[in-house]
Amino acid sequence: MGTLENEARLIRRKGHIQQALLTTLLVGGMVAIGAVPYKLIPTVGCTPKNRSRFSYYTKTVAGRLVTQRLAVKKDDKVYLQITEAGQHKLAFEGEKMKLKGVKRRWDKRWRMVVFDIPERRSNIRHRLRDVMKEVGFVRLQDSVWVYPYDCEEFMALLKAELRVGKDVLYAIVERIENDKTIRTHFKLPVE
């Protein structure tokens, strides 16, 4: 297996552990850094080779969560507690996961996202495009993207995370001219 694949797998594994730790913090309110259940990790798609490595990963992820201000340390650096920013991040990631792989019944309406983000905030614009691509939106034009299913909550969370409220518009559209290629992309019935 190539080096890039190994690096990508390691990044995914760290993301799974971070997600599991944030979820544990949300459910438990506060958790001891070394007390994240070892058996919880396989449920999110990552199985460390041994317990000591898992302990190392957990402590590393806990430090990263504190650095990103998604969690705070309590009681002499032994316990973590989720912050409001951590709760928003967890809600955003949950909505993203809902949109990614769920097959739903199409209501014959398109969800259209139109944005006009100023050049001075081009990094935010690129991040918005990357996230929409990752979730499965299809680009109609540079700043016009469509998705066939309800994604209003996801877009509200994304707008809040990127702080682009008035620059991004969400619309529900009944018909799009020449939408055969889009329907084919999403494996929807072509009329």
Protein backbone atom coordinates (compact mmCIF):
# COMPACT_ATOMS: atom_id res chain seq x y z
CA MET A 1 0.00 0.00 0.00
CA GLY A 2 1.25 3.47 -0.87
CA THR A 3 2.48 6.12 1.50
CA LEU A 4 -0.43 8.43 0.70
CA GLU A 5 -2.95 5.73 1.60
CA ASN A 6 -1.23 5.11 4.95
CA GLU A 7 -1.17 8.83 5.73
CA ALA A 8 -4.83 9.18 4.77
CA ARG A 9 -5.77 6.19 6.95
CA LEU A 10 -3.90 7.69 9.91
CA ILE A 11 -5.67 11.04 9.47
CA ARG A 12 -9.06 9.27 9.27
CA ARG A 13 -8.24 7.26 12.40
CA LYS A 14 -7.38 10.43 14.33
CA GLY A 15 -10.64 11.99 13.16
CA HIS A 16 -12.61 8.94 14.33
CA ILE A 17 -10.98 9.05 17.76
CA GLN A 18 -11.66 12.80 18.03
CA GLN A 19 -15.31 12.24 17.07
CA ALA A 20 -15.66 9.43 19.64
CA LEU A 21 -14.07 11.53 22.37
CA LEU A 22 -16.31 14.53 21.60
CA THR A 23 -19.38 12.27 21.60
CA THR A 24 -18.33 10.77 24.92
CA LEU A 25 -17.89 14.27 26.35
CA LEU A 26 -21.31 15.33 25.09
CA VAL A 27 -23.06 12.30 26.56
CA GLY A 28 -21.07 12.15 29.78
CA GLY A 29 -20.58 15.88 30.30
CA MET A 30 -17.09 15.36 31.65
CA VAL A 31 -14.71 12.42 31.29
CA ALA A 32 -11.33 11.45 32.68
CA ILE A 33 -8.71 11.65 29.92
CA GLY A 34 -7.60 8.03 30.27
CA ALA A 35 -11.12 6.70 30.85
CA VAL A 36 -12.55 6.74 27.31
CA PRO A 37 -13.94 3.23 26.85
CA TYR A 38 -11.56 1.12 24.74
CA LYS A 39 -14.50 -0.76 23.22
CA LEU A 40 -16.14 2.46 21.97
CA ILE A 41 -13.53 3.05 19.25
CA PRO A 42 -14.36 0.03 16.98
CA THR A 43 -17.91 1.36 16.67
CA VAL A 44 -16.60 4.44 14.86
CA GLY A 45 -14.43 2.46 12.45
CA CYS A 46 -10.99 2.43 14.06
CA THR A 47 -9.35 -0.33 16.06
CA PRO A 48 -5.97 0.51 17.60
CA LYS A 49 -3.46 -2.34 17.76
CA ASN A 50 -3.14 -2.31 21.55
CA ARG A 51 -4.35 -0.50 24.66
CA SER A 52 -1.18 1.52 25.21
CA ARG A 53 -1.36 2.90 21.69
CA PHE A 54 -5.04 3.69 22.26
CA SER A 55 -4.14 5.53 25.46
CA TYR A 56 -1.52 7.55 23.56
CA TYR A 57 -4.05 8.41 20.81
CA THR A 58 -6.64 9.43 23.39
CA LYS A 59 -4.24 11.77 25.20
CA THR A 60 -3.08 13.27 21.90
CA VAL A 61 -6.64 13.85 20.71
CA ALA A 62 -7.60 15.29 24.10
CA GLY A 63 -4.74 17.78 23.83
CA ARG A 64 -5.83 18.70 20.31
CA LEU A 65 -9.43 19.24 21.48
CA VAL A 66 -8.21 21.59 24.21
CA THR A 67 -5.97 23.45 21.73
CA GLN A 68 -8.90 23.90 19.33
CA ARG A 69 -11.08 25.05 22.27
CA LEU A 70 -13.58 22.25 21.68
CA ALA A 71 -13.00 20.97 25.23
CA VAL A 72 -11.49 22.33 28.43
CA LYS A 73 -9.38 20.61 31.07
CA LYS A 74 -10.76 20.48 34.60
CA ASP A 75 -9.27 19.41 37.95
CA ASP A 76 -5.50 19.52 37.41
CA LYS A 77 -5.57 18.42 33.75
CA VAL A 78 -7.26 15.08 34.46
CA TYR A 79 -10.79 15.66 33.16
CA LEU A 80 -12.15 17.08 29.93
CA GLN A 81 -15.43 18.92 29.53
CA ILE A 82 -16.99 19.79 26.17
CA THR A 83 -17.35 23.49 25.34
CA GLU A 84 -20.13 25.18 23.40
CA ALA A 85 -17.83 25.30 20.35
CA GLY A 86 -17.31 21.54 20.74
CA GLN A 87 -21.05 20.98 20.81
CA HIS A 88 -21.45 23.02 17.60
CA LYS A 89 -18.63 21.09 15.93
CA LEU A 90 -20.19 17.78 16.94
CA ALA A 91 -23.63 18.87 15.65
CA PHE A 92 -22.06 20.00 12.36
CA GLU A 93 -20.19 16.71 11.89
CA GLY A 94 -23.36 14.78 12.72
CA GLU A 95 -25.35 16.66 10.08
CA LYS A 96 -22.56 16.09 7.57
CA MET A 97 -22.62 12.35 8.24
CA LYS A 98 -26.42 12.30 7.81
CA LEU A 99 -26.13 13.84 4.34
CA LYS A 100 -23.25 11.71 3.13
CA GLY A 101 -24.54 8.19 2.93
CA VAL A 102 -28.25 8.10 3.56
CA LYS A 103 -30.57 7.06 0.75
CA ARG A 104 -33.85 8.95 0.98
CA ARG A 105 -36.93 9.39 -1.07
CA TRP A 106 -36.62 12.39 -3.36
CA ASP A 107 -39.43 14.96 -3.10
CA LYS A 108 -38.70 16.31 -6.63
CA ARG A 109 -37.25 19.56 -5.28
CA TRP A 110 -33.69 20.76 -5.57
CA ARG A 111 -31.86 22.45 -2.72
CA MET A 112 -29.74 25.21 -4.19
CA VAL A 113 -26.93 27.04 -2.44
CA VAL A 114 -25.78 30.33 -3.95
CA PHE A 115 -22.91 32.28 -2.47
CA ASP A 116 -21.03 35.50 -3.11
CA ILE A 117 -18.10 35.63 -0.70
CA PRO A 118 -15.71 38.59 -1.13
CA GLU A 119 -12.19 37.98 -2.44
CA ARG A 120 -10.61 39.03 0.85
CA ARG A 121 -12.26 35.94 2.39
CA SER A 122 -11.30 33.53 -0.39
CA ASN A 123 -10.06 30.92 2.11
CA ILE A 124 -13.60 30.74 3.54
CA ARG A 125 -15.00 30.38 0.02
CA HIS A 126 -12.62 27.48 -0.70
CA ARG A 127 -13.54 25.82 2.60
CA LEU A 128 -17.26 26.16 1.76
CA ARG A 129 -16.73 24.54 -1.65
CA ASP A 130 -14.65 21.72 -0.15
CA VAL A 131 -17.27 20.89 2.47
CA MET A 132 -20.11 20.95 -0.05
CA LYS A 133 -18.10 18.71 -2.39
CA GLU A 134 -17.37 16.33 0.49
CA VAL A 135 -21.07 16.05 1.38
CA GLY A 136 -22.09 15.44 -2.23
CA PHE A 137 -23.38 18.71 -3.64
CA VAL A 138 -23.04 19.19 -7.41
CA ARG A 139 -21.66 22.40 -8.87
CA LEU A 140 -23.84 24.07 -11.49
CA GLN A 141 -21.70 27.20 -11.74
CA ASP A 142 -18.79 28.53 -9.69
CA SER A 143 -20.98 29.75 -6.86
CA VAL A 144 -24.18 27.76 -7.46
CA TRP A 145 -24.45 24.25 -6.01
CA VAL A 146 -27.39 21.81 -5.84
CA TYR A 147 -28.41 18.84 -3.72
CA PRO A 148 -31.63 16.79 -4.06
CA TYR A 149 -32.46 16.26 -0.37
CA ASP A 150 -33.27 18.47 2.60
CA CYS A 151 -30.06 19.99 3.98
CA GLU A 152 -31.31 23.16 5.64
CA GLU A 153 -29.97 22.28 9.11
CA PHE A 154 -26.59 21.38 7.66
CA MET A 155 -26.37 24.65 5.74
CA ALA A 156 -27.38 26.65 8.82
CA LEU A 157 -24.60 24.96 10.84
CA LEU A 158 -22.10 25.44 8.00
CA LYS A 159 -22.96 29.13 7.67
CA ALA A 160 -22.54 29.55 11.43
CA GLU A 161 -19.21 27.72 11.47
CA LEU A 162 -17.80 29.72 8.57
CA ARG A 163 -19.48 32.98 9.69
CA VAL A 164 -20.94 33.72 6.25
CA GLY A 165 -24.59 34.33 7.09
CA LYS A 166 -25.64 36.91 4.50
CA ASP A 167 -23.16 35.80 1.83
CA VAL A 168 -24.73 32.35 1.39
CA LEU A 169 -28.33 31.81 0.25
CA TYR A 170 -30.26 28.55 0.55
CA ALA A 171 -33.18 28.01 -1.82
CA ILE A 172 -35.64 25.25 -2.63
CA VAL A 173 -36.22 25.01 -6.37
CA GLU A 174 -39.00 23.08 -8.10
CA ARG A 175 -37.34 22.66 -11.50
CA ILE A 176 -33.96 23.16 -13.11
CA GLU A 177 -33.68 23.41 -16.86
CA ASN A 178 -31.78 20.49 -18.45
CA ASP A 179 -31.36 18.62 -15.16
CA LYS A 180 -30.85 15.19 -16.75
CA THR A 181 -27.13 15.04 -15.96
CA ILE A 182 -27.73 16.10 -12.35
CA ARG A 183 -30.45 13.47 -11.92
CA THR A 184 -28.13 10.86 -13.39
CA HIS A 185 -25.36 11.90 -11.01
CA PHE A 186 -27.63 11.44 -7.98
CA LYS A 187 -29.22 8.27 -9.48
CA LEU A 188 -32.66 9.85 -9.53
CA PRO A 189 -35.41 8.98 -12.04
CA VAL A 190 -34.99 10.81 -15.32
CA GLU A 191 -38.26 12.12 -16.77
